[in-house]
Structures are given as structure tokens and as C-alpha cells.
Amino acid sequence: MNICGVIPAAGRSARMNRGNKLLLDFGGRTIIEQTLLNLAESDIASILIITGFEHDRLLSALNSQTSDRVSVVHNEHWPEGRASSIRCAVRNSPPDSDALLFLPGDKPTIGCSLINRSMELFIKKRPAILYVQTPAGRGHPIVFDRTLHRELALLEGDLVGNELIEKHRSRTVELEDGSDQSDINTDADYQRALKQVTGTTS
């Protein structure tokens, strides 16, 4: 099965007082580089990175990581919200992709093992939607079957995914996982995630 991995990386990092959070150091790599490395080490077929805010800086950081398997796409409509990046991913995904797997750029602690487990369960069950359920609630990755791509292309705003999951609840599969998937939105979040992985803070 051909699954395309999508890394949304278009946001402004408005709550982070250090600038673009995706370009912060994370154990010798930037956060976006570590997230990409985790996805690239998995069995994913292809990868799309959707940029927006500070596209040029992100492209510079990722330049050495791009390849036939990894592409960077600029979402010119990123100020419209997260849904604009989802729409951009649908438009730019390989025509033969069977599903889209979303892993936000600020999730560097999600390793290739969980990504592979998500894909294996998706292939086995073939639901409309698969997401990871953590002790804190719904997490990532989230996988959408290609039969939902038309609906994904119609999403708007920032609150995305919830409506589709509820609509297709009978065709949705949860993968239980006990890992911490805290968002990196503030400096405190960053310090916590950094300490979790490297044992140090910055």
C-alpha cells in the first residue's frame, strides 16, 4: 500500500517566544529535521512537508533532506488556518497514494516505531480513518484513506479532523499508545520535550 506522509509545518509559532519553534535546536538537529528523520526512517512511501510562515528559512534547514522521496511544498494560503495545509497536501500528494498520514512538524518525539505500527494497523484494518489514542487524548499520526480526500479538500479553518472523525466514527480505528505527545507551543513545552529526549534544557 502506498501511504504518503504529510508534515504540516506552516504555522507562525505565535505562542513561542523564541521565534519559529520548528527551527529550534533539538539535540543537534532542528525540531522539523528530527520530525522528518523519524518519518523518513519509517516504511512510509513518500513524504510531503507543507510550509507557510518563514518558508525560505525552513527550506534552507531542510535542503539537505529533500530527495525523490521527500518534497517541500509551499502553502501560500497558510494564514487561513490548518485546513489550508491539509488541502495543499491533498492537491500535491502522489496520484497513486492510497492514504495520507499526518504528523505535525512539532512532534519530534514520535518515533518511527509508532509510525510503522500505525501504518501496519491501517493496512490490516483498512478503515477510513486511523488515529493514535494516548492517555492525554487523541494524538498522532492520523491516517486518512484516499476515499476521504475529497472531504479533506473541503475543510476550512483551524479546527480540523474532529468533524470527519465523528462523521465516519463507524469506520474509524484507534491505536492505543502510552507515549507523551505534548505539543511544543510554549517555551515550557520546548524545555520539557528537550529534557525528555536529551536530558538537558536550553
Protein backbone atom coordinates (compact mmCIF):
# COMPACT_ATOMS: atom_id res chain seq x y z
CA MET A 1 0.00 0.00 0.00
CA ASN A 2 1.26 3.44 -0.96
CA ILE A 3 0.94 5.79 2.02
CA CYS A 4 2.14 9.37 1.74
CA GLY A 5 3.40 11.04 4.91
CA VAL A 6 2.49 14.70 5.42
CA ILE A 7 4.30 17.05 7.80
CA PRO A 8 2.28 20.27 8.27
CA ALA A 9 4.87 22.96 9.05
CA ALA A 10 3.16 26.19 8.04
CA GLY A 11 2.23 27.86 11.35
CA ARG A 12 3.56 31.07 12.86
CA SER A 13 4.50 29.65 16.31
CA ALA A 14 2.61 32.55 17.86
CA ARG A 15 2.91 31.27 21.44
CA MET A 16 6.65 30.58 21.29
CA ASN A 17 8.82 33.48 22.48
CA ARG A 18 11.90 32.06 20.72
CA GLY A 19 10.64 32.56 17.18
CA ASN A 20 9.80 29.73 14.79
CA LYS A 21 9.64 26.66 17.03
CA LEU A 22 10.35 24.28 14.15
CA LEU A 23 13.84 25.77 13.80
CA LEU A 24 14.79 25.38 17.46
CA ASP A 25 17.63 23.02 18.35
CA PHE A 26 16.57 19.53 19.37
CA GLY A 27 19.64 17.55 20.29
CA GLY A 28 21.79 18.73 17.39
CA ARG A 29 19.01 18.99 14.82
CA THR A 30 16.14 21.38 14.42
CA ILE A 31 12.71 20.21 15.55
CA ILE A 32 11.49 19.96 11.94
CA GLU A 33 14.59 17.96 10.94
CA GLN A 34 14.05 15.49 13.79
CA THR A 35 10.38 15.05 12.88
CA LEU A 36 11.33 14.45 9.26
CA LEU A 37 14.07 11.99 10.25
CA ASN A 38 11.60 9.97 12.32
CA LEU A 39 9.17 9.79 9.42
CA ALA A 40 11.90 9.06 6.87
CA GLU A 41 13.17 6.14 8.97
CA SER A 42 9.72 4.54 8.83
CA ASP A 43 8.27 2.46 5.99
CA ILE A 44 6.39 5.45 4.54
CA ALA A 45 6.38 5.56 0.73
CA SER A 46 6.77 9.32 0.22
CA ILE A 47 6.82 12.50 2.31
CA LEU A 48 5.36 15.97 1.79
CA ILE A 49 6.41 18.86 4.01
CA ILE A 50 3.89 21.71 3.85
CA THR A 51 5.48 25.07 4.68
CA GLY A 52 3.97 28.53 5.03
CA PHE A 53 5.36 31.00 7.58
CA GLU A 54 9.10 31.54 7.02
CA HIS A 55 9.13 29.17 4.07
CA ASP A 56 12.63 30.19 2.99
CA ARG A 57 14.16 29.52 6.42
CA LEU A 58 12.51 26.12 6.65
CA LEU A 59 13.56 25.25 3.12
CA SER A 60 17.14 26.19 3.97
CA ALA A 61 17.08 23.95 7.05
CA LEU A 62 15.61 21.05 5.09
CA ASN A 63 17.56 21.47 1.88
CA SER A 64 19.92 18.59 2.58
CA GLN A 65 16.97 16.32 3.46
CA THR A 66 14.96 16.66 0.25
CA SER A 67 15.07 13.83 -2.27
CA ASP A 68 12.87 11.95 -4.72
CA ARG A 69 11.05 10.63 -1.64
CA VAL A 70 10.87 13.93 0.29
CA SER A 71 9.29 17.06 -1.20
CA VAL A 72 8.68 20.54 0.25
CA VAL A 73 5.52 22.36 -0.87
CA HIS A 74 4.78 25.99 -0.01
CA ASN A 75 1.22 26.68 1.12
CA GLU A 76 0.57 30.29 0.09
CA HIS A 77 -2.74 30.27 1.96
CA TRP A 78 -1.29 29.26 5.35
CA PRO A 79 -2.80 32.30 7.21
CA GLU A 80 -6.25 30.75 6.57
CA GLY A 81 -5.54 28.02 9.13
CA ARG A 82 -4.54 24.38 9.39
CA ALA A 83 -7.11 23.22 6.87
CA SER A 84 -5.29 25.11 4.13
CA SER A 85 -2.25 22.85 4.65
CA ILE A 86 -4.46 19.77 4.51
CA ARG A 87 -5.95 20.97 1.24
CA CYS A 88 -2.44 21.65 -0.06
CA ALA A 89 -1.39 18.11 0.88
CA VAL A 90 -4.34 16.58 -0.96
CA ARG A 91 -3.56 18.61 -4.08
CA ASN A 92 0.12 17.69 -4.07
CA SER A 93 0.05 14.07 -2.92
CA PRO A 94 1.13 11.38 -5.40
CA PRO A 95 -1.80 10.34 -7.62
CA ASP A 96 -1.25 6.69 -6.70
CA SER A 97 -1.28 7.25 -2.92
CA ASP A 98 -3.79 5.09 -1.04
CA ALA A 99 -3.79 7.22 2.13
CA LEU A 100 -2.33 10.30 3.79
CA LEU A 101 -0.58 10.03 7.14
CA PHE A 102 -0.34 13.33 9.02
CA LEU A 103 2.46 14.03 11.51
CA PRO A 104 2.77 17.71 12.60
CA GLY A 105 6.20 19.28 12.35
CA ASP A 106 6.33 19.98 16.09
CA LYS A 107 6.13 16.29 17.07
CA PRO A 108 9.83 15.28 17.17
CA THR A 109 9.26 12.75 19.98
CA ILE A 110 7.05 10.50 17.83
CA GLY A 111 9.41 7.83 16.54
CA CYS A 112 9.36 5.57 13.51
CA SER A 113 8.14 2.61 15.58
CA LEU A 114 4.77 4.22 16.31
CA ILE A 115 4.53 5.45 12.72
CA ASN A 116 5.10 1.91 11.42
CA ARG A 117 2.59 0.47 13.89
CA SER A 118 0.02 2.98 12.66
CA MET A 119 0.59 2.01 9.04
CA GLU A 120 0.54 -1.72 9.80
CA LEU A 121 -2.80 -1.45 11.60
CA PHE A 122 -4.21 0.77 8.86
CA ILE A 123 -3.21 -1.75 6.20
CA LYS A 124 -4.66 -4.61 8.25
CA LYS A 125 -8.00 -2.96 9.09
CA ARG A 126 -8.28 -0.55 6.12
CA PRO A 127 -10.52 1.96 7.94
CA ALA A 128 -11.50 5.38 6.66
CA ILE A 129 -9.51 6.98 9.50
CA LEU A 130 -6.92 5.74 11.98
CA TYR A 131 -5.55 7.79 14.86
CA VAL A 132 -3.39 7.18 17.90
CA GLN A 133 -5.11 7.37 21.28
CA THR A 134 -2.82 8.49 24.12
CA PRO A 135 -3.53 8.92 27.86
CA ALA A 136 -3.94 12.64 27.17
CA GLY A 137 -6.39 12.15 24.30
CA ARG A 138 -6.23 11.84 20.53
CA GLY A 139 -2.71 12.02 19.17
CA HIS A 140 -0.70 11.35 16.02
CA PRO A 141 -0.15 10.02 13.47
CA ILE A 142 -3.59 10.33 11.90
CA VAL A 143 -4.18 8.40 8.66
CA PHE A 144 -6.96 9.21 6.17
CA ASP A 145 -7.93 6.78 3.43
CA ARG A 146 -8.00 8.18 -0.10
CA THR A 147 -11.80 7.83 -0.16
CA LEU A 148 -11.86 10.86 2.18
CA HIS A 149 -9.51 13.04 0.15
CA ARG A 150 -12.41 14.91 -1.43
CA GLU A 151 -13.78 15.75 2.04
CA LEU A 152 -10.32 16.73 3.27
CA ALA A 153 -10.06 19.13 0.35
CA LEU A 154 -13.18 20.95 1.57
CA LEU A 155 -12.03 21.56 5.15
CA GLU A 156 -11.66 25.15 6.37
CA GLY A 157 -10.21 26.96 9.38
CA ASP A 158 -8.18 25.60 12.28
CA LEU A 159 -10.50 23.07 13.92
CA VAL A 160 -9.98 20.21 11.51
CA GLY A 161 -10.38 16.48 11.75
CA ASN A 162 -12.96 16.33 14.57
CA GLU A 163 -15.92 16.61 12.27
CA LEU A 164 -14.64 13.93 9.89
CA ILE A 165 -13.83 11.54 12.72
CA GLU A 166 -17.33 11.88 14.16
CA LYS A 167 -18.92 11.56 10.74
CA HIS A 168 -17.01 8.38 9.97
CA ARG A 169 -16.86 7.01 13.53
CA SER A 170 -18.05 3.56 12.43
CA ARG A 171 -15.10 3.36 10.02
CA THR A 172 -12.51 4.77 12.43
CA VAL A 173 -9.83 2.74 14.22
CA GLU A 174 -7.88 3.79 17.33
CA LEU A 175 -4.33 2.65 18.07
CA GLU A 176 -3.65 2.75 21.81
CA ASP A 177 -0.26 4.15 22.80
CA GLY A 178 1.06 5.26 26.17
CA SER A 179 3.61 7.81 24.96
CA ASP A 180 3.64 11.51 25.82
CA GLN A 181 2.67 13.54 22.77
CA SER A 182 2.56 17.00 24.30
CA ASP A 183 2.52 19.84 21.79
CA ILE A 184 5.51 22.17 21.66
CA ASN A 185 3.71 25.50 21.72
CA THR A 186 5.45 27.42 24.50
CA ASP A 187 8.96 27.68 25.89
CA ALA A 188 7.96 25.44 28.81
CA ASP A 189 6.72 22.79 26.34
CA TYR A 190 10.01 23.01 24.46
CA GLN A 191 12.10 22.63 27.60
CA ARG A 192 10.05 19.61 28.70
CA ALA A 193 10.34 17.85 25.33
CA LEU A 194 14.05 18.64 25.09
CA LYS A 195 14.72 17.22 28.54
CA GLN A 196 12.68 14.13 27.72
CA VAL A 197 14.89 13.32 24.74
CA THR A 198 18.31 14.74 25.58
CA GLY A 199 18.21 15.03 29.38
CA THR A 200 19.10 18.72 29.14
CA THR A 201 17.35 22.07 28.63
CA SER A 202 18.28 25.14 26.65
